[in-house]
C-alpha atoms as a PDB file:
ATOM      1  CA  MET A   1     -10.880 -21.627 -17.048  1.00  0.00           C
ATOM      2  CA  GLU A   2      -8.699 -23.094 -14.196  1.00  0.00           C
ATOM      3  CA  ARG A   3      -8.710 -26.175 -12.059  1.00  0.00           C
ATOM      4  CA  LEU A   4     -10.544 -26.071  -8.910  1.00  0.00           C
ATOM      5  CA  ASP A   5      -8.236 -27.323  -6.880  1.00  0.00           C
ATOM      6  CA  LYS A   6      -5.700 -24.576  -8.167  1.00  0.00           C
ATOM      7  CA  VAL A   7      -8.217 -21.384  -7.457  1.00  0.00           C
ATOM      8  CA  LEU A   8      -9.268 -22.639  -4.109  1.00  0.00           C
ATOM      9  CA  SER A   9      -5.252 -23.174  -3.185  1.00  0.00           C
ATOM     10  CA  ASN A  10      -4.420 -19.526  -3.864  1.00  0.00           C
ATOM     11  CA  LEU A  11      -7.407 -18.450  -2.099  1.00  0.00           C
ATOM     12  CA  GLY A  12      -5.902 -20.604   1.067  1.00  0.00           C
ATOM     13  CA  TYR A  13      -8.159 -23.098   1.657  1.00  0.00           C
ATOM     14  CA  GLY A  14      -5.233 -25.213   1.644  1.00  0.00           C
ATOM     15  CA  SER A  15      -2.808 -27.428  -0.010  1.00  0.00           C
ATOM     16  CA  ARG A  16      -4.042 -29.621  -3.044  1.00  0.00           C
ATOM     17  CA  LYS A  17      -4.253 -32.680  -1.337  1.00  0.00           C
ATOM     18  CA  GLU A  18      -6.098 -30.946   1.544  1.00  0.00           C
ATOM     19  CA  ILE A  19      -8.479 -29.494  -0.914  1.00  0.00           C
ATOM     20  CA  LYS A  20      -8.862 -33.314  -2.665  1.00  0.00           C
ATOM     21  CA  ILE A  21      -9.931 -34.133   0.979  1.00  0.00           C
ATOM     22  CA  LEU A  22     -12.564 -31.451   1.121  1.00  0.00           C
ATOM     23  CA  VAL A  23     -13.923 -32.348  -2.189  1.00  0.00           C
ATOM     24  CA  LYS A  24     -14.266 -35.829  -0.899  1.00  0.00           C
ATOM     25  CA  ASN A  25     -16.004 -34.823   2.061  1.00  0.00           C
ATOM     26  CA  GLY A  26     -18.867 -33.374   0.035  1.00  0.00           C
ATOM     27  CA  VAL A  27     -18.428 -29.597   1.367  1.00  0.00           C
ATOM     28  CA  VAL A  28     -17.368 -27.915  -2.122  1.00  0.00           C
ATOM     29  CA  GLU A  29     -20.159 -26.889  -4.444  1.00  0.00           C
ATOM     30  CA  VAL A  30     -19.973 -25.294  -7.823  1.00  0.00           C
ATOM     31  CA  ASP A  31     -23.119 -23.569  -9.509  1.00  0.00           C
ATOM     32  CA  GLY A  32     -25.382 -25.279  -6.810  1.00  0.00           C
ATOM     33  CA  GLU A  33     -23.604 -29.040  -7.077  1.00  0.00           C
ATOM     34  CA  ILE A  34     -21.472 -30.895  -5.031  1.00  0.00           C
ATOM     35  CA  VAL A  35     -18.340 -31.463  -7.161  1.00  0.00           C
ATOM     36  CA  LYS A  36     -16.612 -34.906  -7.063  1.00  0.00           C
ATOM     37  CA  SER A  37     -13.354 -34.324  -8.373  1.00  0.00           C
ATOM     38  CA  SER A  38     -10.764 -31.632  -7.398  1.00  0.00           C
ATOM     39  CA  ASP A  39      -9.112 -31.005 -10.393  1.00  0.00           C
ATOM     40  CA  ILE A  40     -12.457 -30.005 -12.867  1.00  0.00           C
ATOM     41  CA  LYS A  41     -11.878 -26.865 -14.419  1.00  0.00           C
ATOM     42  CA  VAL A  42     -13.842 -23.916 -13.637  1.00  0.00           C
ATOM     43  CA  ASP A  43     -13.900 -20.138 -14.327  1.00  0.00           C
ATOM     44  CA  PRO A  44     -13.704 -18.391 -11.038  1.00  0.00           C
ATOM     45  CA  GLU A  45     -14.682 -15.394 -12.416  1.00  0.00           C
ATOM     46  CA  LYS A  46     -18.030 -16.308 -13.428  1.00  0.00           C
ATOM     47  CA  ALA A  47     -18.662 -19.400 -11.405  1.00  0.00           C
ATOM     48  CA  LYS A  48     -20.209 -19.507  -7.594  1.00  0.00           C
ATOM     49  CA  ILE A  49     -18.161 -21.429  -5.581  1.00  0.00           C
ATOM     50  CA  LYS A  50     -18.740 -22.872  -2.043  1.00  0.00           C
ATOM     51  CA  VAL A  51     -16.870 -24.317   0.581  1.00  0.00           C
ATOM     52  CA  SER A  52     -18.453 -25.460   3.675  1.00  0.00           C
ATOM     53  CA  GLY A  53     -21.610 -23.109   2.434  1.00  0.00           C
ATOM     54  CA  GLU A  54     -19.582 -20.189   2.141  1.00  0.00           C
ATOM     55  CA  GLU A  55     -19.009 -18.616  -1.075  1.00  0.00           C
ATOM     56  CA  ILE A  56     -15.686 -17.412  -1.882  1.00  0.00           C
ATOM     57  CA  ASN A  57     -14.778 -14.360  -3.052  1.00  0.00           C
ATOM     58  CA  TYR A  58     -12.358 -14.656  -5.979  1.00  0.00           C
ATOM     59  CA  ARG A  59     -10.094 -11.998  -7.400  1.00  0.00           C
ATOM     60  CA  LYS A  60      -6.877 -12.377  -9.183  1.00  0.00           C
ATOM     61  CA  TYR A  61      -5.405  -9.041  -7.504  1.00  0.00           C
ATOM     62  CA  ILE A  62      -5.940  -7.667  -3.931  1.00  0.00           C
ATOM     63  CA  TYR A  63      -5.561  -4.018  -3.273  1.00  0.00           C
ATOM     64  CA  ILE A  64      -5.125  -2.899   0.512  1.00  0.00           C
ATOM     65  CA  MET A  65      -4.903   0.444   1.840  1.00  0.00           C
ATOM     66  CA  MET A  66      -3.090   0.414   4.979  1.00  0.00           C
ATOM     67  CA  ASN A  67      -2.489   3.105   7.698  1.00  0.00           C
ATOM     68  CA  LYS A  68       1.383   2.286   8.250  1.00  0.00           C
ATOM     69  CA  PRO A  69       2.371   2.551  11.827  1.00  0.00           C
ATOM     70  CA  ALA A  70       5.877   3.582  12.919  1.00  0.00           C
ATOM     71  CA  GLY A  71       8.474   1.075  13.566  1.00  0.00           C
ATOM     72  CA  VAL A  72       7.097  -1.181  10.767  1.00  0.00           C
ATOM     73  CA  VAL A  73       9.231  -1.436   7.949  1.00  0.00           C
ATOM     74  CA  SER A  74       7.616  -1.629   4.339  1.00  0.00           C
ATOM     75  CA  ALA A  75       8.927  -4.875   3.208  1.00  0.00           C
ATOM     76  CA  THR A  76       7.547  -8.094   2.428  1.00  0.00           C
ATOM     77  CA  PHE A  77      10.511  -9.837   4.922  1.00  0.00           C
ATOM     78  CA  ASP A  78      12.747  -8.842   7.240  1.00  0.00           C
ATOM     79  CA  ASN A  79      15.061 -10.479   9.235  1.00  0.00           C
ATOM     80  CA  TYR A  80      14.767  -8.219  12.571  1.00  0.00           C
ATOM     81  CA  ASP A  81      11.687  -5.785  12.221  1.00  0.00           C
ATOM     82  CA  GLU A  82       8.279  -6.719  11.858  1.00  0.00           C
ATOM     83  CA  THR A  83       6.797  -5.681   8.397  1.00  0.00           C
ATOM     84  CA  VAL A  84       3.879  -4.164   6.641  1.00  0.00           C
ATOM     85  CA  ILE A  85       2.662  -7.854   5.432  1.00  0.00           C
ATOM     86  CA  ASP A  86       2.857  -9.297   9.000  1.00  0.00           C
ATOM     87  CA  LEU A  87      -0.070  -7.237  10.100  1.00  0.00           C
ATOM     88  CA  LEU A  88      -2.045  -8.695   7.434  1.00  0.00           C
ATOM     89  CA  GLU A  89      -5.053 -11.760   8.110  1.00  0.00           C
ATOM     90  CA  PRO A  90      -4.015 -14.861   6.506  1.00  0.00           C
ATOM     91  CA  ASP A  91      -6.897 -14.622   3.768  1.00  0.00           C
ATOM     92  CA  HIS A  92      -5.070 -11.619   2.482  1.00  0.00           C
ATOM     93  CA  ALA A  93      -1.461 -12.325   3.047  1.00  0.00           C
ATOM     94  CA  VAL A  94      -1.792 -16.062   0.793  1.00  0.00           C
ATOM     95  CA  PHE A  95      -2.194 -13.296  -2.045  1.00  0.00           C
ATOM     96  CA  ASN A  96       1.611 -12.660  -1.419  1.00  0.00           C
ATOM     97  CA  PRO A  97       0.805  -8.927  -1.918  1.00  0.00           C
ATOM     98  CA  PHE A  98       3.802  -6.615  -1.550  1.00  0.00           C
ATOM     99  CA  PRO A  99       4.091  -2.683  -0.858  1.00  0.00           C
ATOM    100  CA  VAL A 100       4.057  -0.194  -3.382  1.00  0.00           C
ATOM    101  CA  GLY A 101       6.821   1.808  -2.697  1.00  0.00           C
ATOM    102  CA  ARG A 102       8.158   2.591   0.616  1.00  0.00           C
ATOM    103  CA  LEU A 103       7.590   4.690   3.840  1.00  0.00           C
ATOM    104  CA  ASP A 104      10.305   4.787   5.837  1.00  0.00           C
ATOM    105  CA  LYS A 105      10.310   2.674   9.265  1.00  0.00           C
ATOM    106  CA  ASP A 106       9.339   5.738  11.353  1.00  0.00           C
ATOM    107  CA  THR A 107       7.044   7.075   9.024  1.00  0.00           C
ATOM    108  CA  GLU A 108       3.656   6.572   9.258  1.00  0.00           C
ATOM    109  CA  GLY A 109       0.387   6.863   6.995  1.00  0.00           C
ATOM    110  CA  LEU A 110      -1.000   5.961   3.504  1.00  0.00           C
ATOM    111  CA  LEU A 111       0.437   2.841   2.217  1.00  0.00           C
ATOM    112  CA  LEU A 112      -1.089   0.447  -0.601  1.00  0.00           C
ATOM    113  CA  ILE A 113      -0.218  -2.911  -0.436  1.00  0.00           C
ATOM    114  CA  THR A 114      -1.126  -5.318  -3.786  1.00  0.00           C
ATOM    115  CA  ASN A 115      -0.023  -8.099  -6.155  1.00  0.00           C
ATOM    116  CA  ASP A 116      -0.737  -6.189  -9.122  1.00  0.00           C
ATOM    117  CA  GLY A 117       3.005  -5.806 -10.499  1.00  0.00           C
ATOM    118  CA  GLU A 118       1.702  -3.525 -13.233  1.00  0.00           C
ATOM    119  CA  LEU A 119       0.155  -1.160 -11.121  1.00  0.00           C
ATOM    120  CA  ASN A 120       3.272  -0.907  -8.765  1.00  0.00           C
ATOM    121  CA  HIS A 121       4.966  -0.220 -11.500  1.00  0.00           C
ATOM    122  CA  ARG A 122       3.137   2.585 -13.268  1.00  0.00           C
ATOM    123  CA  LEU A 123       2.715   4.024  -9.581  1.00  0.00           C
ATOM    124  CA  THR A 124       6.904   4.033  -8.312  1.00  0.00           C
ATOM    125  CA  SER A 125       8.324   4.692 -11.911  1.00  0.00           C
ATOM    126  CA  PRO A 126       9.834   8.506 -12.152  1.00  0.00           C
ATOM    127  CA  LYS A 127       7.810   8.797 -15.485  1.00  0.00           C
ATOM    128  CA  TRP A 128       4.448   8.801 -14.032  1.00  0.00           C
ATOM    129  CA  HIS A 129       5.206  11.969 -11.585  1.00  0.00           C
ATOM    130  CA  VAL A 130       3.091  10.467  -9.035  1.00  0.00           C
ATOM    131  CA  ASP A 131       2.455  13.259  -6.429  1.00  0.00           C
ATOM    132  CA  LYS A 132       2.799  11.899  -2.767  1.00  0.00           C
ATOM    133  CA  VAL A 133       1.534  14.269  -0.078  1.00  0.00           C
ATOM    134  CA  TYR A 134       2.867  14.215   3.481  1.00  0.00           C
ATOM    135  CA  TYR A 135       1.952  16.196   6.507  1.00  0.00           C
ATOM    136  CA  ALA A 136       5.079  16.828   8.792  1.00  0.00           C
ATOM    137  CA  GLN A 137       6.003  18.468  11.883  1.00  0.00           C
ATOM    138  CA  ILE A 138       8.609  20.538  11.640  1.00  0.00           C
ATOM    139  CA  ASP A 139      11.150  21.577  14.862  1.00  0.00           C
ATOM    140  CA  LYS A 140      11.506  25.339  13.531  1.00  0.00           C
ATOM    141  CA  ALA A 141       9.746  28.129  11.635  1.00  0.00           C
ATOM    142  CA  VAL A 142       9.096  27.265   8.133  1.00  0.00           C
ATOM    143  CA  ASP A 143       9.073  30.367   6.076  1.00  0.00           C
ATOM    144  CA  GLU A 144       8.464  31.530   2.460  1.00  0.00           C
ATOM    145  CA  LYS A 145      12.115  31.271   1.627  1.00  0.00           C
ATOM    146  CA  ASP A 146      11.565  27.694   2.024  1.00  0.00           C
ATOM    147  CA  VAL A 147       8.277  27.358  -0.022  1.00  0.00           C
ATOM    148  CA  GLU A 148      10.552  29.375  -2.906  1.00  0.00           C
ATOM    149  CA  ALA A 149      13.441  26.643  -2.336  1.00  0.00           C
ATOM    150  CA  PHE A 150      11.434  23.768  -2.335  1.00  0.00           C
ATOM    151  CA  GLU A 151       9.774  25.012  -5.392  1.00  0.00           C
ATOM    152  CA  LYS A 152      13.258  25.548  -7.146  1.00  0.00           C
ATOM    153  CA  GLY A 153      14.026  21.871  -6.160  1.00  0.00           C
ATOM    154  CA  ILE A 154      15.830  21.159  -3.032  1.00  0.00           C
ATOM    155  CA  VAL A 155      19.670  19.946  -3.252  1.00  0.00           C
ATOM    156  CA  ILE A 156      20.166  16.960  -0.775  1.00  0.00           C
ATOM    157  CA  ASP A 157      23.183  15.820   1.289  1.00  0.00           C
ATOM    158  CA  ASP A 158      24.739  13.579  -1.550  1.00  0.00           C
ATOM    159  CA  GLY A 159      24.335  16.254  -4.293  1.00  0.00           C
ATOM    160  CA  TYR A 160      21.020  15.388  -5.567  1.00  0.00           C
ATOM    161  CA  LYS A 161      19.269  17.410  -7.035  1.00  0.00           C
ATOM    162  CA  CYS A 162      15.131  16.767  -6.246  1.00  0.00           C
ATOM    163  CA  LEU A 163      12.591  17.610  -8.300  1.00  0.00           C
ATOM    164  CA  PRO A 164      10.343  20.774  -7.660  1.00  0.00           C
ATOM    165  CA  ALA A 165       8.144  20.217  -4.589  1.00  0.00           C
ATOM    166  CA  LYS A 166       5.235  22.044  -3.240  1.00  0.00           C
ATOM    167  CA  LEU A 167       5.587  23.211   0.348  1.00  0.00           C
ATOM    168  CA  GLU A 168       2.525  24.239   2.115  1.00  0.00           C
ATOM    169  CA  VAL A 169       2.446  26.186   5.624  1.00  0.00           C
ATOM    170  CA  ILE A 170      -0.710  25.449   7.886  1.00  0.00           C
ATOM    171  CA  SER A 171       0.975  26.705  10.936  1.00  0.00           C
ATOM    172  CA  SER A 172       4.313  28.305  11.638  1.00  0.00           C
ATOM    173  CA  ASP A 173       6.332  30.077  14.873  1.00  0.00           C
ATOM    174  CA  LYS A 174       9.478  29.870  16.597  1.00  0.00           C
ATOM    175  CA  ASP A 175       8.692  26.954  18.489  1.00  0.00           C
ATOM    176  CA  GLY A 176       7.545  24.863  15.061  1.00  0.00           C
ATOM    177  CA  SER A 177       5.817  24.549  12.207  1.00  0.00           C
ATOM    178  CA  GLU A 178       3.133  22.074  10.750  1.00  0.00           C
ATOM    179  CA  ILE A 179       3.407  21.606   6.829  1.00  0.00           C
ATOM    180  CA  ASN A 180       2.095  19.535   3.846  1.00  0.00           C
ATOM    181  CA  VAL A 181       4.474  18.871   1.172  1.00  0.00           C
ATOM    182  CA  THR A 182       4.047  17.111  -2.017  1.00  0.00           C
ATOM    183  CA  ILE A 183       6.955  15.432  -3.875  1.00  0.00           C
ATOM    184  CA  GLN A 184       6.862  13.236  -6.902  1.00  0.00           C
ATOM    185  CA  GLU A 185       9.979  11.247  -5.996  1.00  0.00           C
ATOM    186  CA  GLY A 186      10.619   8.487  -3.329  1.00  0.00           C
ATOM    187  CA  LYS A 187      14.270   8.799  -2.631  1.00  0.00           C
ATOM    188  CA  PHE A 188      15.461   7.380   1.171  1.00  0.00           C
ATOM    189  CA  HIS A 189      14.756   9.687   3.628  1.00  0.00           C
ATOM    190  CA  GLN A 190      13.929  12.293   0.861  1.00  0.00           C
ATOM    191  CA  VAL A 191      11.501  14.625   2.926  1.00  0.00           C
ATOM    192  CA  LYS A 192      13.830  14.738   6.059  1.00  0.00           C
ATOM    193  CA  ARG A 193      16.927  15.197   4.052  1.00  0.00           C
ATOM    194  CA  MET A 194      15.183  18.059   2.197  1.00  0.00           C
ATOM    195  CA  PHE A 195      14.458  19.771   5.401  1.00  0.00           C
ATOM    196  CA  GLU A 196      17.840  19.186   6.791  1.00  0.00           C
ATOM    197  CA  ALA A 197      18.962  21.193   3.748  1.00  0.00           C
ATOM    198  CA  ARG A 198      17.336  23.898   4.967  1.00  0.00           C
ATOM    199  CA  SER A 199      18.977  23.549   8.407  1.00  0.00           C
ATOM    200  CA  LYS A 200      15.267  22.087  10.028  1.00  0.00           C
ATOM    201  CA  SER A 201      14.337  18.614  11.336  1.00  0.00           C
ATOM    202  CA  VAL A 202      11.244  16.850  10.904  1.00  0.00           C
ATOM    203  CA  LEU A 203       9.655  15.685  14.218  1.00  0.00           C
ATOM    204  CA  TYR A 204       6.599  13.824  12.803  1.00  0.00           C
ATOM    205  CA  LEU A 205       5.842  12.597   8.936  1.00  0.00           C
ATOM    206  CA  LYS A 206       2.858  11.084   7.877  1.00  0.00           C
ATOM    207  CA  ARG A 207       1.514  10.140   4.163  1.00  0.00           C
ATOM    208  CA  ILE A 208      -1.773  11.417   3.603  1.00  0.00           C
ATOM    209  CA  LYS A 209      -2.025  11.148  -0.014  1.00  0.00           C
ATOM    210  CA  MET A 210      -0.886   8.973  -3.550  1.00  0.00           C
ATOM    211  CA  GLY A 211      -1.862  10.445  -6.684  1.00  0.00           C
ATOM    212  CA  ASN A 212      -5.678  11.036  -5.878  1.00  0.00           C
ATOM    213  CA  LEU A 213      -5.676   8.301  -3.330  1.00  0.00           C
ATOM    214  CA  VAL A 214      -6.687   9.861   0.379  1.00  0.00           C
ATOM    215  CA  LEU A 215      -5.860   7.925   3.265  1.00  0.00           C
ATOM    216  CA  ASP A 216      -8.903   6.931   5.185  1.00  0.00           C
ATOM    217  CA  GLU A 217      -9.492   8.850   8.275  1.00  0.00           C
ATOM    218  CA  ASP A 218     -11.184   5.951   9.832  1.00  0.00           C
ATOM    219  CA  LEU A 219      -8.382   3.710   9.597  1.00  0.00           C
ATOM    220  CA  GLU A 220      -6.168   3.922  13.384  1.00  0.00           C
ATOM    221  CA  GLU A 221      -2.398   2.702  13.041  1.00  0.00           C
ATOM    222  CA  GLY A 222      -1.799  -0.479  11.660  1.00  0.00           C
ATOM    223  CA  GLN A 223      -5.299  -1.168  10.189  1.00  0.00           C
ATOM    224  CA  TYR A 224      -6.107  -1.760   6.591  1.00  0.00           C
ATOM    225  CA  ARG A 225      -9.020  -2.242   4.406  1.00  0.00           C
ATOM    226  CA  GLU A 226      -9.212  -3.446   0.611  1.00  0.00           C
ATOM    227  CA  LEU A 227      -9.912  -0.252  -1.941  1.00  0.00           C
ATOM    228  CA  SER A 228     -13.229   0.293  -2.745  1.00  0.00           C
ATOM    229  CA  LYS A 229     -14.033  -0.088  -6.744  1.00  0.00           C
ATOM    230  CA  GLU A 230     -14.121   3.757  -6.946  1.00  0.00           C
ATOM    231  CA  GLU A 231     -10.592   4.022  -5.007  1.00  0.00           C
ATOM    232  CA  LEU A 232      -9.455   1.312  -7.644  1.00  0.00           C
ATOM    233  CA  SER A 233     -10.685   3.087 -10.482  1.00  0.00           C
ATOM    234  CA  ILE A 234      -9.241   6.197  -9.206  1.00  0.00           C
ATOM    235  CA  ILE A 235      -5.674   4.879  -9.095  1.00  0.00           C
ATOM    236  CA  LYS A 236      -5.776   2.858 -12.535  1.00  0.00           C
ATOM    237  CA  GLU A 237      -6.930   6.189 -14.200  1.00  0.00           C
ATOM    238  CA  ARG A 238      -3.141   7.006 -14.474  1.00  0.00           C
END
């Protein structure tokens, strides 16, 4: 059980003082009855709460799939650049969510945003080995030798040997290549550094899958939506 004013405040309906005014004005209902006190105890999971006739959608955690655009930083705050949190509507931002892992500033694609710290840890901790699939355009031909090198584990510029990665060539010729690459880590600029180790450059990079969660193709760059129940069960299976 929680105080009504705390529940409504957490959902962005104002400060406790403002919610007290809403209650005084008779616009807050709990289970069909107008409430007279903002500090009554309610079970937000079970109670039917309405504010100005609109039923609230209470949930403790929020899970968002975003198609991150290039030029936006995967952070909750940045002094210079727009962040993925800046792209959220107020009724989602009020949950104080954070990006799960990160995508580099110029990388696009699937980004999960949540306020569920436990899930964040499970999806980003190296011991869970969560696959992350990227689509990329490369400036040169990618061949079987590259595929084999990725399978063995690429040694990047600082001497770190990456875990084995799966490189799938979609198309390749002297003018460039299209590939999918699956990695289980998230080192800074990792995919780009892996290809640099093979004397090739990444021209475009987009994450299309994380674990079993696939980017919704209907989401335009910068758009987002909450996960469906099916998607949520998929990412919580781990």
